[in-house]
N, C-alpha and C. Protein backbone atom coordinates (compact mmCIF):
# COMPACT_ATOMS: atom_id res chain seq x y z
N MET A 1 2.69 -25.92 -11.86
CA MET A 1 3.38 -24.64 -12.02
C MET A 1 2.50 -23.47 -11.61
N ASP A 2 1.22 -23.50 -12.11
CA ASP A 2 0.31 -22.43 -11.77
C ASP A 2 0.06 -22.35 -10.28
N GLN A 3 -0.10 -23.53 -9.66
CA GLN A 3 -0.34 -23.56 -8.22
C GLN A 3 0.84 -22.99 -7.45
N LYS A 4 2.04 -23.32 -7.90
CA LYS A 4 3.25 -22.84 -7.24
C LYS A 4 3.33 -21.32 -7.33
N MET A 5 3.06 -20.78 -8.53
CA MET A 5 3.11 -19.33 -8.72
C MET A 5 2.04 -18.63 -7.91
N LYS A 6 0.87 -19.25 -7.87
CA LYS A 6 -0.23 -18.66 -7.12
C LYS A 6 0.09 -18.61 -5.63
N GLY A 7 0.64 -19.69 -5.10
CA GLY A 7 0.97 -19.75 -3.69
C GLY A 7 2.05 -18.75 -3.31
N SER A 8 2.99 -18.49 -4.22
CA SER A 8 4.11 -17.60 -3.91
C SER A 8 3.68 -16.15 -3.80
N SER A 9 2.46 -15.82 -4.33
CA SER A 9 2.01 -14.44 -4.31
C SER A 9 1.15 -14.12 -3.09
N LYS A 10 0.99 -15.08 -2.20
CA LYS A 10 0.14 -14.86 -1.04
C LYS A 10 0.70 -13.78 -0.12
N VAL A 11 -0.22 -13.14 0.59
CA VAL A 11 0.16 -12.08 1.52
C VAL A 11 0.80 -12.71 2.76
N ASN A 12 1.77 -12.01 3.33
CA ASN A 12 2.42 -12.51 4.54
C ASN A 12 1.43 -12.59 5.71
N MET A 13 1.74 -13.43 6.66
CA MET A 13 0.90 -13.61 7.85
C MET A 13 0.78 -12.29 8.62
N PHE A 14 -0.44 -11.91 8.97
CA PHE A 14 -0.68 -10.68 9.73
C PHE A 14 -0.61 -11.00 11.22
N GLU A 15 0.36 -10.37 11.90
CA GLU A 15 0.59 -10.62 13.32
C GLU A 15 -0.02 -9.55 14.22
N GLY A 16 -0.64 -8.54 13.61
CA GLY A 16 -1.24 -7.48 14.39
C GLY A 16 -0.56 -6.14 14.23
N ASN A 17 0.54 -6.10 13.44
CA ASN A 17 1.27 -4.87 13.20
C ASN A 17 1.17 -4.46 11.73
N ASP A 18 1.34 -3.15 11.46
CA ASP A 18 1.32 -2.64 10.09
C ASP A 18 0.04 -3.03 9.35
N TYR A 19 -1.09 -2.76 9.98
CA TYR A 19 -2.38 -3.14 9.37
C TYR A 19 -2.58 -2.48 8.01
N ALA A 20 -2.23 -1.21 7.88
CA ALA A 20 -2.44 -0.50 6.62
C ALA A 20 -1.73 -1.20 5.47
N PHE A 21 -0.48 -1.57 5.71
CA PHE A 21 0.30 -2.25 4.67
C PHE A 21 -0.31 -3.61 4.34
N TRP A 22 -0.67 -4.37 5.38
CA TRP A 22 -1.25 -5.70 5.16
C TRP A 22 -2.58 -5.61 4.43
N SER A 23 -3.43 -4.65 4.82
CA SER A 23 -4.77 -4.55 4.22
C SER A 23 -4.71 -4.22 2.73
N ILE A 24 -3.73 -3.40 2.34
CA ILE A 24 -3.56 -3.08 0.92
C ILE A 24 -3.18 -4.33 0.14
N ARG A 25 -2.22 -5.07 0.66
CA ARG A 25 -1.78 -6.30 -0.01
C ARG A 25 -2.89 -7.34 -0.04
N MET A 26 -3.64 -7.45 1.06
CA MET A 26 -4.71 -8.43 1.13
C MET A 26 -5.83 -8.07 0.15
N LYS A 27 -6.18 -6.79 0.08
CA LYS A 27 -7.21 -6.36 -0.88
C LYS A 27 -6.80 -6.73 -2.30
N ASN A 28 -5.57 -6.41 -2.65
CA ASN A 28 -5.08 -6.72 -4.00
C ASN A 28 -5.07 -8.22 -4.27
N TYR A 29 -4.73 -8.99 -3.23
CA TYR A 29 -4.69 -10.44 -3.40
C TYR A 29 -6.10 -10.99 -3.61
N LEU A 30 -7.06 -10.53 -2.80
CA LEU A 30 -8.43 -10.99 -2.95
C LEU A 30 -9.00 -10.59 -4.31
N MET A 31 -8.66 -9.40 -4.77
CA MET A 31 -9.12 -8.96 -6.10
C MET A 31 -8.52 -9.82 -7.20
N SER A 32 -7.29 -10.30 -6.97
CA SER A 32 -6.65 -11.15 -7.97
C SER A 32 -7.33 -12.51 -8.09
N LEU A 33 -8.11 -12.89 -7.06
CA LEU A 33 -8.85 -14.14 -7.10
C LEU A 33 -10.11 -14.01 -7.93
N GLY A 34 -10.45 -12.76 -8.29
CA GLY A 34 -11.62 -12.52 -9.12
C GLY A 34 -12.45 -11.37 -8.57
N PRO A 35 -13.04 -10.54 -9.45
CA PRO A 35 -13.84 -9.40 -9.00
C PRO A 35 -15.03 -9.81 -8.14
N ASP A 36 -15.58 -10.99 -8.41
CA ASP A 36 -16.72 -11.46 -7.62
C ASP A 36 -16.32 -11.80 -6.19
N VAL A 37 -15.07 -12.21 -6.00
CA VAL A 37 -14.58 -12.54 -4.66
C VAL A 37 -14.48 -11.27 -3.82
N TRP A 38 -13.86 -10.23 -4.36
CA TRP A 38 -13.73 -8.97 -3.62
C TRP A 38 -15.09 -8.32 -3.40
N ALA A 39 -16.02 -8.47 -4.34
CA ALA A 39 -17.36 -7.89 -4.22
C ALA A 39 -18.06 -8.41 -2.97
N LEU A 40 -17.81 -9.65 -2.61
CA LEU A 40 -18.44 -10.23 -1.43
C LEU A 40 -17.91 -9.59 -0.14
N VAL A 41 -16.65 -9.13 -0.19
CA VAL A 41 -16.08 -8.44 0.97
C VAL A 41 -16.71 -7.05 1.10
N VAL A 42 -16.92 -6.40 -0.03
CA VAL A 42 -17.46 -5.04 -0.04
C VAL A 42 -18.96 -5.01 0.26
N TRP A 43 -19.71 -5.88 -0.43
CA TRP A 43 -21.17 -5.83 -0.33
C TRP A 43 -21.75 -6.80 0.69
N GLY A 44 -20.95 -7.72 1.14
CA GLY A 44 -21.44 -8.66 2.14
C GLY A 44 -22.12 -9.88 1.51
N TYR A 45 -22.32 -10.88 2.33
CA TYR A 45 -22.93 -12.13 1.85
C TYR A 45 -23.54 -12.86 3.04
N VAL A 46 -24.80 -13.26 2.88
CA VAL A 46 -25.47 -14.04 3.91
C VAL A 46 -25.22 -15.52 3.61
N VAL A 47 -24.47 -16.16 4.47
CA VAL A 47 -24.08 -17.56 4.23
C VAL A 47 -25.29 -18.48 4.48
N PRO A 48 -25.73 -19.24 3.46
CA PRO A 48 -26.86 -20.16 3.65
C PRO A 48 -26.45 -21.38 4.47
N GLU A 49 -27.41 -22.00 5.09
CA GLU A 49 -27.11 -23.18 5.91
C GLU A 49 -26.65 -24.36 5.06
N ASP A 50 -27.23 -24.48 3.87
CA ASP A 50 -26.88 -25.58 2.97
C ASP A 50 -26.25 -25.06 1.70
N ILE A 51 -25.48 -25.89 1.04
CA ILE A 51 -24.86 -25.51 -0.23
C ILE A 51 -25.96 -25.33 -1.27
N PRO A 52 -26.01 -24.17 -1.93
CA PRO A 52 -27.05 -23.92 -2.93
C PRO A 52 -26.94 -24.89 -4.12
N SER A 53 -28.07 -25.13 -4.76
CA SER A 53 -28.07 -26.00 -5.95
C SER A 53 -28.04 -25.17 -7.23
N ASN A 54 -28.55 -23.93 -7.14
CA ASN A 54 -28.51 -23.03 -8.29
C ASN A 54 -27.07 -22.69 -8.64
N SER A 55 -26.70 -22.75 -9.92
CA SER A 55 -25.31 -22.57 -10.33
C SER A 55 -24.75 -21.19 -9.95
N GLU A 56 -25.55 -20.13 -10.11
CA GLU A 56 -25.07 -18.79 -9.78
C GLU A 56 -24.89 -18.63 -8.28
N GLU A 57 -25.85 -19.14 -7.50
CA GLU A 57 -25.76 -19.06 -6.05
C GLU A 57 -24.63 -19.94 -5.53
N LYS A 58 -24.42 -21.06 -6.20
CA LYS A 58 -23.34 -21.97 -5.80
C LYS A 58 -21.98 -21.28 -6.00
N LYS A 59 -21.85 -20.54 -7.12
CA LYS A 59 -20.60 -19.83 -7.38
C LYS A 59 -20.33 -18.79 -6.29
N GLN A 60 -21.37 -18.06 -5.90
CA GLN A 60 -21.21 -17.08 -4.82
C GLN A 60 -20.79 -17.76 -3.53
N TYR A 61 -21.39 -18.90 -3.27
CA TYR A 61 -21.10 -19.67 -2.06
C TYR A 61 -19.62 -20.06 -2.02
N TRP A 62 -19.11 -20.57 -3.15
CA TRP A 62 -17.71 -20.99 -3.20
C TRP A 62 -16.76 -19.81 -3.22
N ASP A 63 -17.16 -18.73 -3.89
CA ASP A 63 -16.33 -17.52 -3.89
C ASP A 63 -16.18 -16.98 -2.47
N HIS A 64 -17.29 -17.03 -1.72
CA HIS A 64 -17.24 -16.56 -0.34
C HIS A 64 -16.35 -17.46 0.51
N ALA A 65 -16.49 -18.75 0.32
CA ALA A 65 -15.65 -19.70 1.07
C ALA A 65 -14.17 -19.47 0.76
N LYS A 66 -13.89 -19.17 -0.50
CA LYS A 66 -12.51 -18.91 -0.93
C LYS A 66 -11.97 -17.66 -0.25
N ALA A 67 -12.79 -16.59 -0.23
CA ALA A 67 -12.36 -15.33 0.39
C ALA A 67 -12.18 -15.49 1.90
N LEU A 68 -13.13 -16.18 2.54
CA LEU A 68 -13.05 -16.36 3.99
C LEU A 68 -11.83 -17.19 4.38
N ASN A 69 -11.59 -18.26 3.64
CA ASN A 69 -10.42 -19.10 3.91
C ASN A 69 -9.12 -18.33 3.70
N THR A 70 -9.08 -17.52 2.65
CA THR A 70 -7.88 -16.72 2.36
C THR A 70 -7.60 -15.74 3.49
N LEU A 71 -8.64 -15.06 3.94
CA LEU A 71 -8.47 -14.09 5.03
C LEU A 71 -8.05 -14.78 6.33
N GLN A 72 -8.75 -15.83 6.70
CA GLN A 72 -8.43 -16.53 7.95
C GLN A 72 -7.01 -17.12 7.91
N SER A 73 -6.61 -17.61 6.74
CA SER A 73 -5.28 -18.23 6.61
C SER A 73 -4.16 -17.21 6.69
N SER A 74 -4.51 -15.92 6.48
CA SER A 74 -3.47 -14.89 6.52
C SER A 74 -3.31 -14.27 7.91
N LEU A 75 -4.11 -14.74 8.88
CA LEU A 75 -4.07 -14.19 10.23
C LEU A 75 -3.34 -15.13 11.19
N SER A 76 -2.54 -14.55 12.05
CA SER A 76 -1.87 -15.36 13.07
C SER A 76 -2.92 -15.90 14.04
N LYS A 77 -2.55 -16.87 14.84
CA LYS A 77 -3.48 -17.47 15.79
C LYS A 77 -4.03 -16.42 16.75
N LYS A 78 -3.17 -15.50 17.19
CA LYS A 78 -3.58 -14.46 18.14
C LYS A 78 -4.62 -13.53 17.51
N VAL A 79 -4.39 -13.14 16.26
CA VAL A 79 -5.31 -12.24 15.57
C VAL A 79 -6.60 -12.96 15.22
N LEU A 80 -6.48 -14.18 14.72
CA LEU A 80 -7.66 -14.94 14.31
C LEU A 80 -8.62 -15.16 15.47
N ALA A 81 -8.08 -15.35 16.67
CA ALA A 81 -8.91 -15.58 17.85
C ALA A 81 -9.87 -14.42 18.10
N LYS A 82 -9.48 -13.22 17.70
CA LYS A 82 -10.31 -12.03 17.93
C LYS A 82 -11.46 -11.89 16.93
N VAL A 83 -11.35 -12.58 15.80
CA VAL A 83 -12.38 -12.43 14.75
C VAL A 83 -12.99 -13.78 14.35
N LEU A 84 -12.72 -14.81 15.14
CA LEU A 84 -13.14 -16.16 14.78
C LEU A 84 -14.66 -16.31 14.75
N THR A 85 -15.38 -15.47 15.45
CA THR A 85 -16.85 -15.56 15.47
C THR A 85 -17.48 -14.97 14.21
N CYS A 86 -16.70 -14.27 13.40
CA CYS A 86 -17.23 -13.68 12.17
C CYS A 86 -17.55 -14.79 11.16
N THR A 87 -18.78 -14.79 10.66
CA THR A 87 -19.21 -15.85 9.73
C THR A 87 -19.12 -15.42 8.27
N SER A 88 -18.85 -14.16 8.03
CA SER A 88 -18.73 -13.69 6.64
C SER A 88 -17.45 -12.88 6.48
N VAL A 89 -16.98 -12.78 5.24
CA VAL A 89 -15.76 -12.00 4.99
C VAL A 89 -15.99 -10.52 5.26
N GLU A 90 -17.18 -10.03 5.00
CA GLU A 90 -17.48 -8.63 5.26
C GLU A 90 -17.32 -8.34 6.75
N GLN A 91 -17.84 -9.23 7.60
CA GLN A 91 -17.72 -9.05 9.05
C GLN A 91 -16.26 -9.13 9.49
N LEU A 92 -15.55 -10.12 8.98
CA LEU A 92 -14.16 -10.33 9.36
C LEU A 92 -13.30 -9.14 8.95
N TRP A 93 -13.49 -8.67 7.72
CA TRP A 93 -12.72 -7.53 7.21
C TRP A 93 -13.01 -6.28 8.03
N GLY A 94 -14.29 -6.04 8.32
CA GLY A 94 -14.68 -4.85 9.08
C GLY A 94 -14.18 -4.89 10.51
N LYS A 95 -14.31 -6.04 11.16
CA LYS A 95 -13.90 -6.16 12.55
C LYS A 95 -12.39 -6.04 12.71
N SER A 96 -11.65 -6.67 11.82
CA SER A 96 -10.19 -6.58 11.90
C SER A 96 -9.73 -5.14 11.68
N GLY A 97 -10.43 -4.41 10.78
CA GLY A 97 -10.10 -3.01 10.55
C GLY A 97 -10.39 -2.16 11.77
N THR A 98 -11.51 -2.44 12.44
CA THR A 98 -11.87 -1.69 13.64
C THR A 98 -10.87 -1.93 14.76
N ILE A 99 -10.44 -3.18 14.91
CA ILE A 99 -9.51 -3.53 15.97
C ILE A 99 -8.13 -2.96 15.74
N TYR A 100 -7.64 -3.11 14.51
CA TYR A 100 -6.23 -2.77 14.25
C TYR A 100 -6.01 -1.43 13.56
N ALA A 101 -7.07 -0.86 12.97
CA ALA A 101 -6.91 0.46 12.37
C ALA A 101 -7.65 1.50 13.19
N GLY A 102 -8.54 1.03 14.09
CA GLY A 102 -9.29 1.94 14.94
C GLY A 102 -10.66 2.26 14.36
N GLY A 103 -11.54 2.81 15.18
CA GLY A 103 -12.86 3.20 14.73
C GLY A 103 -12.79 4.46 13.88
N THR A 104 -13.95 5.00 13.54
CA THR A 104 -14.02 6.17 12.66
C THR A 104 -13.24 7.36 13.21
N LYS A 105 -13.40 7.64 14.50
CA LYS A 105 -12.71 8.78 15.10
C LYS A 105 -11.20 8.57 15.09
N VAL A 106 -10.77 7.35 15.45
CA VAL A 106 -9.34 7.05 15.47
C VAL A 106 -8.75 7.13 14.07
N LYS A 107 -9.48 6.59 13.08
CA LYS A 107 -9.01 6.63 11.69
C LYS A 107 -8.85 8.07 11.22
N ARG A 108 -9.84 8.90 11.58
CA ARG A 108 -9.79 10.30 11.18
C ARG A 108 -8.57 10.99 11.77
N GLU A 109 -8.30 10.72 13.03
CA GLU A 109 -7.13 11.32 13.69
C GLU A 109 -5.83 10.83 13.06
N LYS A 110 -5.77 9.52 12.77
CA LYS A 110 -4.58 8.97 12.13
C LYS A 110 -4.38 9.59 10.75
N LEU A 111 -5.51 9.75 10.03
CA LEU A 111 -5.45 10.31 8.68
C LEU A 111 -4.93 11.74 8.71
N GLN A 112 -5.42 12.54 9.65
CA GLN A 112 -4.97 13.92 9.76
C GLN A 112 -3.48 13.99 10.10
N THR A 113 -3.05 13.09 11.00
CA THR A 113 -1.63 13.05 11.38
C THR A 113 -0.75 12.68 10.19
N LEU A 114 -1.19 11.67 9.45
CA LEU A 114 -0.42 11.22 8.29
C LEU A 114 -0.39 12.27 7.18
N LYS A 115 -1.51 12.96 6.98
CA LYS A 115 -1.56 14.03 5.97
C LYS A 115 -0.56 15.13 6.32
N ALA A 116 -0.55 15.50 7.61
CA ALA A 116 0.38 16.55 8.06
C ALA A 116 1.83 16.08 7.89
N HIS A 117 2.05 14.80 8.19
CA HIS A 117 3.39 14.24 8.05
C HIS A 117 3.82 14.26 6.59
N PHE A 118 2.89 13.91 5.70
CA PHE A 118 3.17 13.90 4.26
C PHE A 118 3.50 15.31 3.77
N GLU A 119 2.69 16.27 4.20
CA GLU A 119 2.92 17.65 3.78
C GLU A 119 4.24 18.20 4.29
N GLY A 120 4.65 17.74 5.47
CA GLY A 120 5.88 18.25 6.07
C GLY A 120 7.14 17.52 5.65
N LEU A 121 7.00 16.50 4.80
CA LEU A 121 8.16 15.71 4.40
C LEU A 121 9.18 16.53 3.61
N LYS A 122 10.43 16.34 3.94
CA LYS A 122 11.54 16.90 3.17
C LYS A 122 12.67 15.88 3.19
N MET A 123 13.47 15.89 2.16
CA MET A 123 14.60 14.97 2.11
C MET A 123 15.65 15.43 3.11
N ARG A 124 16.09 14.50 3.93
CA ARG A 124 17.09 14.83 4.95
C ARG A 124 18.46 15.00 4.31
N GLU A 125 19.28 15.78 4.96
CA GLU A 125 20.60 16.11 4.39
C GLU A 125 21.47 14.88 4.20
N LYS A 126 21.39 13.93 5.12
CA LYS A 126 22.23 12.74 5.04
C LYS A 126 21.51 11.55 4.40
N GLU A 127 20.43 11.82 3.71
CA GLU A 127 19.60 10.77 3.12
C GLU A 127 19.90 10.65 1.64
N ASN A 128 19.80 9.42 1.11
CA ASN A 128 19.94 9.27 -0.33
C ASN A 128 18.56 9.07 -0.97
N ILE A 129 18.52 9.03 -2.29
CA ILE A 129 17.25 8.95 -3.02
C ILE A 129 16.45 7.72 -2.62
N CYS A 130 17.11 6.58 -2.55
CA CYS A 130 16.43 5.33 -2.20
C CYS A 130 15.76 5.43 -0.83
N GLN A 131 16.47 5.97 0.13
CA GLN A 131 15.94 6.09 1.49
C GLN A 131 14.76 7.06 1.55
N TYR A 132 14.87 8.17 0.79
CA TYR A 132 13.78 9.14 0.80
C TYR A 132 12.51 8.57 0.16
N PHE A 133 12.68 7.87 -0.94
CA PHE A 133 11.53 7.25 -1.60
C PHE A 133 10.87 6.21 -0.70
N GLU A 134 11.68 5.49 0.07
CA GLU A 134 11.12 4.50 1.00
C GLU A 134 10.30 5.17 2.08
N ARG A 135 10.75 6.31 2.58
CA ARG A 135 9.98 7.05 3.59
C ARG A 135 8.66 7.54 3.02
N ILE A 136 8.73 8.05 1.79
CA ILE A 136 7.51 8.51 1.11
C ILE A 136 6.54 7.34 0.94
N ASP A 137 7.05 6.20 0.48
CA ASP A 137 6.20 5.03 0.25
C ASP A 137 5.50 4.58 1.53
N THR A 138 6.23 4.60 2.65
CA THR A 138 5.66 4.16 3.92
C THR A 138 4.45 5.01 4.30
N ILE A 139 4.58 6.32 4.17
CA ILE A 139 3.48 7.21 4.53
C ILE A 139 2.32 7.10 3.53
N VAL A 140 2.65 7.04 2.25
CA VAL A 140 1.61 6.94 1.22
C VAL A 140 0.82 5.64 1.39
N ASN A 141 1.52 4.55 1.66
CA ASN A 141 0.82 3.27 1.87
C ASN A 141 -0.10 3.32 3.08
N ALA A 142 0.35 4.00 4.14
CA ALA A 142 -0.48 4.14 5.34
C ALA A 142 -1.72 4.98 5.03
N LEU A 143 -1.56 6.05 4.25
CA LEU A 143 -2.70 6.88 3.86
C LEU A 143 -3.69 6.09 3.02
N ARG A 144 -3.17 5.35 2.06
CA ARG A 144 -4.03 4.55 1.20
C ARG A 144 -4.73 3.45 1.98
N GLY A 145 -4.04 2.93 2.98
CA GLY A 145 -4.63 1.90 3.82
C GLY A 145 -5.82 2.42 4.62
N LEU A 146 -5.84 3.73 4.87
CA LEU A 146 -6.96 4.36 5.59
C LEU A 146 -8.00 4.91 4.63
N GLY A 147 -7.85 4.59 3.35
CA GLY A 147 -8.85 4.98 2.36
C GLY A 147 -8.62 6.32 1.70
N HIS A 148 -7.49 6.97 1.97
CA HIS A 148 -7.19 8.26 1.35
C HIS A 148 -6.27 8.05 0.15
N ASN A 149 -6.77 8.38 -1.02
CA ASN A 149 -5.99 8.15 -2.24
C ASN A 149 -4.96 9.26 -2.44
N VAL A 150 -3.74 8.87 -2.68
CA VAL A 150 -2.67 9.80 -3.02
C VAL A 150 -2.16 9.39 -4.39
N SER A 151 -2.36 10.24 -5.38
CA SER A 151 -1.97 9.89 -6.74
C SER A 151 -0.46 10.00 -6.94
N ASP A 152 0.04 9.30 -7.94
CA ASP A 152 1.47 9.38 -8.25
C ASP A 152 1.85 10.80 -8.66
N ASP A 153 0.93 11.53 -9.31
CA ASP A 153 1.21 12.91 -9.70
C ASP A 153 1.45 13.79 -8.48
N GLU A 154 0.65 13.56 -7.42
CA GLU A 154 0.83 14.32 -6.18
C GLU A 154 2.19 14.02 -5.56
N ILE A 155 2.60 12.75 -5.63
CA ILE A 155 3.88 12.36 -5.05
C ILE A 155 5.04 12.98 -5.82
N VAL A 156 4.92 12.98 -7.15
CA VAL A 156 5.96 13.59 -8.00
C VAL A 156 6.09 15.07 -7.66
N ASP A 157 4.94 15.77 -7.57
CA ASP A 157 4.97 17.20 -7.24
C ASP A 157 5.62 17.43 -5.87
N LYS A 158 5.25 16.57 -4.93
CA LYS A 158 5.80 16.68 -3.58
C LYS A 158 7.32 16.50 -3.60
N LEU A 159 7.77 15.50 -4.29
CA LEU A 159 9.20 15.22 -4.35
C LEU A 159 9.99 16.37 -4.97
N LEU A 160 9.49 16.90 -6.07
CA LEU A 160 10.21 17.97 -6.76
C LEU A 160 10.35 19.22 -5.90
N ARG A 161 9.48 19.36 -4.90
CA ARG A 161 9.52 20.55 -4.03
C ARG A 161 10.33 20.34 -2.77
N THR A 162 10.85 19.14 -2.56
CA THR A 162 11.44 18.85 -1.24
C THR A 162 12.85 18.27 -1.28
N PHE A 163 13.55 18.47 -2.38
CA PHE A 163 14.92 17.97 -2.46
C PHE A 163 15.90 19.03 -1.95
N PRO A 164 17.06 18.62 -1.44
CA PRO A 164 18.09 19.58 -1.01
C PRO A 164 18.62 20.37 -2.21
N MET A 165 19.35 21.44 -1.91
CA MET A 165 19.84 22.33 -2.96
C MET A 165 20.74 21.63 -3.97
N VAL A 166 21.43 20.57 -3.53
CA VAL A 166 22.35 19.89 -4.44
C VAL A 166 21.61 19.29 -5.64
N TYR A 167 20.31 19.09 -5.50
CA TYR A 167 19.52 18.55 -6.60
C TYR A 167 18.91 19.64 -7.48
N ASN A 168 19.07 20.91 -7.11
CA ASN A 168 18.44 22.00 -7.85
C ASN A 168 18.70 21.99 -9.35
N PRO A 169 19.95 21.74 -9.80
CA PRO A 169 20.19 21.73 -11.25
C PRO A 169 19.31 20.71 -11.99
N LYS A 170 19.19 19.52 -11.42
CA LYS A 170 18.39 18.48 -12.06
C LYS A 170 16.90 18.81 -11.98
N VAL A 171 16.45 19.30 -10.83
CA VAL A 171 15.04 19.66 -10.66
C VAL A 171 14.66 20.78 -11.62
N SER A 172 15.53 21.78 -11.75
CA SER A 172 15.26 22.89 -12.67
C SER A 172 15.13 22.40 -14.10
N THR A 173 16.00 21.46 -14.46
CA THR A 173 15.94 20.89 -15.81
C THR A 173 14.61 20.17 -16.02
N LEU A 174 14.19 19.41 -15.03
CA LEU A 174 12.94 18.67 -15.13
C LEU A 174 11.74 19.61 -15.21
N GLU A 175 11.76 20.70 -14.44
CA GLU A 175 10.65 21.63 -14.43
C GLU A 175 10.53 22.39 -15.74
N ASP A 176 11.65 22.53 -16.46
CA ASP A 176 11.63 23.18 -17.77
C ASP A 176 11.24 22.22 -18.89
N TRP A 177 11.18 20.94 -18.53
CA TRP A 177 10.85 19.90 -19.50
C TRP A 177 9.38 20.06 -19.91
N GLU A 178 9.12 20.11 -21.20
CA GLU A 178 7.76 20.37 -21.68
C GLU A 178 6.78 19.25 -21.32
N ASP A 179 7.30 18.04 -21.08
CA ASP A 179 6.42 16.92 -20.73
C ASP A 179 6.45 16.61 -19.23
N ILE A 180 6.72 17.63 -18.40
CA ILE A 180 6.84 17.41 -16.96
C ILE A 180 5.57 16.79 -16.38
N ASN A 181 4.41 17.15 -16.92
CA ASN A 181 3.14 16.61 -16.40
C ASN A 181 2.97 15.12 -16.71
N LYS A 182 3.80 14.62 -17.62
CA LYS A 182 3.73 13.20 -17.97
C LYS A 182 4.79 12.37 -17.24
N LEU A 183 5.60 13.05 -16.43
CA LEU A 183 6.67 12.36 -15.71
C LEU A 183 6.08 11.42 -14.66
N THR A 184 6.41 10.15 -14.75
CA THR A 184 5.89 9.18 -13.79
C THR A 184 6.82 9.06 -12.59
N LEU A 185 6.30 8.47 -11.53
CA LEU A 185 7.09 8.28 -10.31
C LEU A 185 8.29 7.37 -10.58
N VAL A 186 8.08 6.33 -11.37
CA VAL A 186 9.16 5.40 -11.70
C VAL A 186 10.24 6.11 -12.51
N GLU A 187 9.82 6.95 -13.47
CA GLU A 187 10.79 7.68 -14.29
C GLU A 187 11.59 8.66 -13.43
N LEU A 188 10.90 9.36 -12.52
CA LEU A 188 11.59 10.31 -11.65
C LEU A 188 12.62 9.60 -10.79
N TYR A 189 12.25 8.45 -10.25
CA TYR A 189 13.18 7.68 -9.42
C TYR A 189 14.43 7.32 -10.22
N GLY A 190 14.23 6.82 -11.43
CA GLY A 190 15.36 6.42 -12.27
C GLY A 190 16.27 7.60 -12.61
N ILE A 191 15.66 8.75 -12.93
CA ILE A 191 16.42 9.95 -13.28
C ILE A 191 17.27 10.42 -12.09
N LEU A 192 16.67 10.41 -10.90
CA LEU A 192 17.38 10.91 -9.72
C LEU A 192 18.45 9.95 -9.23
N ILE A 193 18.18 8.66 -9.35
CA ILE A 193 19.20 7.67 -8.98
C ILE A 193 20.43 7.84 -9.88
N ALA A 194 20.20 8.03 -11.19
CA ALA A 194 21.30 8.22 -12.14
C ALA A 194 22.07 9.51 -11.82
N TYR A 195 21.33 10.57 -11.47
CA TYR A 195 21.96 11.85 -11.14
C TYR A 195 22.80 11.74 -9.87
N GLU A 196 22.27 11.04 -8.88
CA GLU A 196 22.98 10.85 -7.62
C GLU A 196 24.28 10.06 -7.84
N LEU A 197 24.18 9.01 -8.64
CA LEU A 197 25.37 8.20 -8.93
C LEU A 197 26.42 9.02 -9.67
N ARG A 198 25.96 9.87 -10.59
CA ARG A 198 26.91 10.70 -11.33
C ARG A 198 27.61 11.69 -10.40
N MET A 199 26.87 12.25 -9.45
CA MET A 199 27.48 13.17 -8.48
C MET A 199 28.55 12.47 -7.66
N LYS A 200 28.28 11.22 -7.30
CA LYS A 200 29.25 10.48 -6.49
C LYS A 200 30.51 10.19 -7.30
N VAL A 201 30.31 9.82 -8.56
CA VAL A 201 31.45 9.54 -9.43
C VAL A 201 32.30 10.78 -9.61
N GLU A 202 31.65 11.94 -9.67
CA GLU A 202 32.36 13.21 -9.86
C GLU A 202 32.93 13.76 -8.55
N GLY A 203 32.71 13.02 -7.46
CA GLY A 203 33.30 13.43 -6.19
C GLY A 203 32.47 14.39 -5.37
N GLU A 204 31.16 14.59 -5.79
CA GLU A 204 30.32 15.51 -5.06
C GLU A 204 29.40 14.79 -4.07
N GLY A 205 29.18 13.50 -4.29
CA GLY A 205 28.22 12.77 -3.47
C GLY A 205 28.57 12.73 -2.01
N HIS A 206 29.86 12.73 -1.67
CA HIS A 206 30.24 12.63 -0.26
C HIS A 206 29.77 13.83 0.56
N MET A 207 29.37 14.92 -0.13
CA MET A 207 28.94 16.10 0.59
C MET A 207 27.61 15.88 1.33
N CYS A 208 26.76 15.03 0.75
CA CYS A 208 25.42 14.90 1.34
C CYS A 208 24.96 13.46 1.55
N TYR A 209 25.55 12.53 0.84
CA TYR A 209 24.91 11.22 0.81
C TYR A 209 25.82 10.09 1.27
N PRO A 210 25.33 9.26 2.19
CA PRO A 210 26.10 8.10 2.61
C PRO A 210 26.01 7.01 1.58
N THR A 211 26.90 6.05 1.66
CA THR A 211 26.81 4.91 0.76
C THR A 211 25.61 4.08 1.17
N PRO A 212 24.67 3.76 0.20
CA PRO A 212 23.46 2.99 0.56
C PRO A 212 23.82 1.65 1.17
């Protein structure tokens, strides 16, 4: 049972597209294998020629083998061929990032573009709550994949400032709420989905929102 559950949580095969999304999932998956496994990706590991006899060194050796096998198994044949010469997870992780996310200059340019895109986001007139949240998630995941942290509080603030006028009554109510600073992203989503459904039931939803 445990093996079945563990296998079902594996990251999808990386074919060379959506590196930011894949890298976030892969990082989380490697961390789920144990903090020592992810540490080897971050800090690096010199692979010895022979299996160590010391128990602590042996554990590092197997943790590294586990991380390397996990990473290689998540890459398509085409992608793996480009990093097959990497002998450590640190090398493999770094090289795949350079190839598919770009070097420092490219990453910086992508980051600036994504930041501008995030700042300029507004809910479209014909968009519903679910669709808008998905667009937000796509950009936030890409930013996080490039190492730029976007907190849920920032996303909540962004959302409250970018809804169409039809949401103003609900947004005003939320902004007057004394615990607005404690409002989570999940709670906001639930509140707005309920509000949108109520508008549709009352015959107002057809003004702005298509059926999901």
